[in-house]
Amino acid sequence: MEITYEVSSPTDIGCIVDMKLEMFREFCYDKYLAENAREMIVEDYDKMYKENMAIHFLAKVDNRIVGMVGAFIKSDIPFRYFTKGHYGFIGDVYTSRPYRKHGVSMKLNQDALIWLKNYGVSFVRLLASDAGRPIYERLGFSPDVDMVLKFSN
């Protein structure tokens, strides 16, 4: 099993979105998705790739994606009002089960962080799962001020 690493291209978007949907299913978030979620994500990613606002770093075995990390440039409230109105965001972090615990996520996250740093962002945000938290701590991330209140409806 030789794992190769590469930067995504627009032709990878369909496979990336399929893996993202697999991730949603694994974590039971698929029940929240719109019926046309796949098409919406493909459209958004196509646009972000064309505008150089997103890229994915991929791990492949036999030319099949087995791991990915997305690097995104975001500009939302309140950050869009700051001097530097954008920041980096790490998302779409997923490794297929047989390839976990082999350093795939660490390598892909490092590549994504280099891309974001070279883009010129001042900081990077992400949503960490319990499984991912140790990786992000090793990469230098620390908890921030975000808090969440979940409604039952």
Protein backbone atom coordinates (compact mmCIF):
# COMPACT_ATOMS: atom_id res chain seq x y z
CA MET A 1 0.00 0.00 0.00
CA GLU A 2 1.84 3.05 -1.26
CA ILE A 3 0.16 6.34 -0.38
CA THR A 4 0.90 9.23 -2.71
CA TYR A 5 0.12 12.86 -1.96
CA GLU A 6 -0.98 15.52 -4.39
CA VAL A 7 -2.78 18.82 -4.76
CA SER A 8 -6.30 18.60 -6.15
CA SER A 9 -7.43 19.96 -9.48
CA PRO A 10 -10.94 20.91 -10.59
CA THR A 11 -11.32 17.45 -12.12
CA ASP A 12 -11.10 15.96 -8.59
CA ILE A 13 -14.08 17.92 -7.24
CA GLY A 14 -16.66 15.19 -7.90
CA CYS A 15 -14.62 12.59 -5.99
CA ILE A 16 -13.88 15.10 -3.21
CA VAL A 17 -17.59 15.81 -2.79
CA ASP A 18 -18.38 12.09 -2.75
CA MET A 19 -15.83 11.61 0.04
CA LYS A 20 -17.30 14.61 1.91
CA LEU A 21 -20.73 12.98 1.72
CA GLU A 22 -19.20 9.71 2.97
CA MET A 23 -17.83 11.68 5.93
CA PHE A 24 -21.28 13.16 6.62
CA ARG A 25 -22.78 9.65 6.58
CA GLU A 26 -20.14 8.30 8.96
CA PHE A 27 -20.85 11.06 11.48
CA CYS A 28 -24.65 10.85 10.95
CA TYR A 29 -24.90 14.37 9.53
CA ASP A 30 -26.36 13.19 6.24
CA LYS A 31 -29.88 13.49 7.69
CA TYR A 32 -29.40 17.28 7.74
CA LEU A 33 -28.39 17.57 4.08
CA ALA A 34 -30.60 19.10 1.42
CA GLU A 35 -31.78 16.75 -1.34
CA ASN A 36 -29.52 18.50 -3.83
CA ALA A 37 -26.56 18.89 -1.45
CA ARG A 38 -24.12 17.15 -3.79
CA GLU A 39 -24.93 19.51 -6.66
CA MET A 40 -24.75 22.54 -4.36
CA ILE A 41 -21.33 21.53 -3.02
CA VAL A 42 -19.96 20.82 -6.50
CA GLU A 43 -21.18 24.24 -7.68
CA ASP A 44 -19.67 26.01 -4.66
CA TYR A 45 -16.34 24.21 -4.97
CA ASP A 46 -16.15 24.87 -8.72
CA LYS A 47 -16.59 28.58 -7.99
CA MET A 48 -14.12 28.62 -5.10
CA TYR A 49 -11.48 26.77 -7.12
CA LYS A 50 -11.84 29.21 -10.03
CA GLU A 51 -11.44 32.15 -7.62
CA ASN A 52 -8.45 30.49 -5.86
CA MET A 53 -10.42 30.48 -2.59
CA ALA A 54 -10.18 26.74 -1.98
CA ILE A 55 -7.95 23.77 -2.62
CA HIS A 56 -7.78 20.21 -1.36
CA PHE A 57 -4.77 18.11 -0.53
CA LEU A 58 -5.25 14.47 -1.34
CA ALA A 59 -3.83 11.12 -0.34
CA LYS A 60 -4.27 8.43 -2.98
CA VAL A 61 -3.74 4.70 -3.25
CA ASP A 62 -3.91 3.25 -6.76
CA ASN A 63 -5.19 6.63 -7.99
CA ARG A 64 -8.17 6.45 -5.57
CA ILE A 65 -8.62 9.18 -2.94
CA VAL A 66 -8.24 7.72 0.56
CA GLY A 67 -7.73 10.96 2.47
CA MET A 68 -8.29 14.66 2.01
CA VAL A 69 -8.00 18.04 3.69
CA GLY A 70 -9.52 21.21 2.30
CA ALA A 71 -8.04 24.68 2.73
CA PHE A 72 -10.53 27.52 2.31
CA ILE A 73 -10.32 31.31 2.34
CA LYS A 74 -13.32 32.70 4.20
CA SER A 75 -14.59 36.22 4.70
CA ASP A 76 -17.63 36.27 6.93
CA ILE A 77 -18.96 38.46 9.73
CA PRO A 78 -17.26 39.89 11.76
CA PHE A 79 -13.91 39.10 10.13
CA ARG A 80 -14.80 40.72 6.81
CA TYR A 81 -14.74 44.09 8.58
CA PHE A 82 -11.17 43.70 9.82
CA THR A 83 -8.14 45.18 8.08
CA LYS A 84 -7.37 41.75 6.70
CA GLY A 85 -10.91 40.70 5.88
CA HIS A 86 -10.27 37.02 5.35
CA TYR A 87 -8.95 34.03 7.24
CA GLY A 88 -8.07 30.43 6.58
CA PHE A 89 -10.36 27.53 7.30
CA ILE A 90 -9.50 23.84 7.39
CA GLY A 91 -12.38 21.55 6.43
CA ASP A 92 -13.24 18.34 4.63
CA VAL A 93 -10.77 16.47 6.79
CA TYR A 94 -11.36 12.81 6.21
CA THR A 95 -9.36 9.60 5.88
CA SER A 96 -10.92 6.28 4.89
CA ARG A 97 -10.87 3.80 7.77
CA PRO A 98 -8.15 1.44 6.48
CA TYR A 99 -5.70 4.35 6.14
CA ARG A 100 -6.21 5.96 9.54
CA LYS A 101 -3.37 6.01 12.08
CA HIS A 102 -0.76 6.18 9.30
CA GLY A 103 -0.06 9.93 9.48
CA VAL A 104 -2.23 10.75 6.45
CA SER A 105 -4.26 13.48 8.14
CA MET A 106 -1.18 15.07 9.72
CA LYS A 107 0.61 15.28 6.36
CA LEU A 108 -2.44 16.67 4.54
CA ASN A 109 -3.12 19.23 7.27
CA GLN A 110 0.51 20.38 7.15
CA ASP A 111 0.25 20.87 3.38
CA ALA A 112 -3.02 22.80 3.78
CA LEU A 113 -1.49 25.05 6.44
CA ILE A 114 1.48 25.86 4.20
CA TRP A 115 -0.92 26.84 1.41
CA LEU A 116 -2.94 29.05 3.78
CA LYS A 117 0.19 30.69 5.19
CA ASN A 118 1.47 31.39 1.67
CA TYR A 119 -1.93 32.84 0.80
CA GLY A 120 -1.32 35.41 3.53
CA VAL A 121 -3.98 34.64 6.11
CA SER A 122 -3.36 35.84 9.68
CA PHE A 123 -5.09 32.91 11.35
CA VAL A 124 -6.76 29.59 10.62
CA ARG A 125 -9.99 28.24 12.09
CA LEU A 126 -11.50 24.76 12.03
CA LEU A 127 -14.10 22.56 13.65
CA ALA A 128 -12.32 19.71 15.44
CA SER A 129 -13.83 16.32 16.13
CA ASP A 130 -12.74 14.51 19.28
CA ALA A 131 -10.59 12.22 17.11
CA GLY A 132 -8.97 15.17 15.32
CA ARG A 133 -8.28 17.34 18.35
CA PRO A 134 -4.89 15.72 19.21
CA ILE A 135 -3.67 16.25 15.63
CA TYR A 136 -4.60 19.92 15.73
CA GLU A 137 -3.02 20.45 19.12
CA ARG A 138 0.24 18.96 17.74
CA LEU A 139 -0.03 21.39 14.83
CA GLY A 140 -0.26 24.33 17.27
CA PHE A 141 -4.01 24.97 17.32
CA SER A 142 -5.62 26.02 20.59
CA PRO A 143 -9.25 26.37 21.70
CA ASP A 144 -10.84 29.72 20.90
CA VAL A 145 -13.87 31.66 22.09
CA ASP A 146 -16.52 29.92 19.96
CA MET A 147 -19.46 28.49 21.82
CA VAL A 148 -22.47 26.59 20.49
CA LEU A 149 -26.07 26.24 21.60
CA LYS A 150 -27.98 23.45 19.87
CA PHE A 151 -31.74 23.64 19.53
CA SER A 152 -33.75 20.43 19.39
CA ASN A 153 -35.98 21.53 16.49
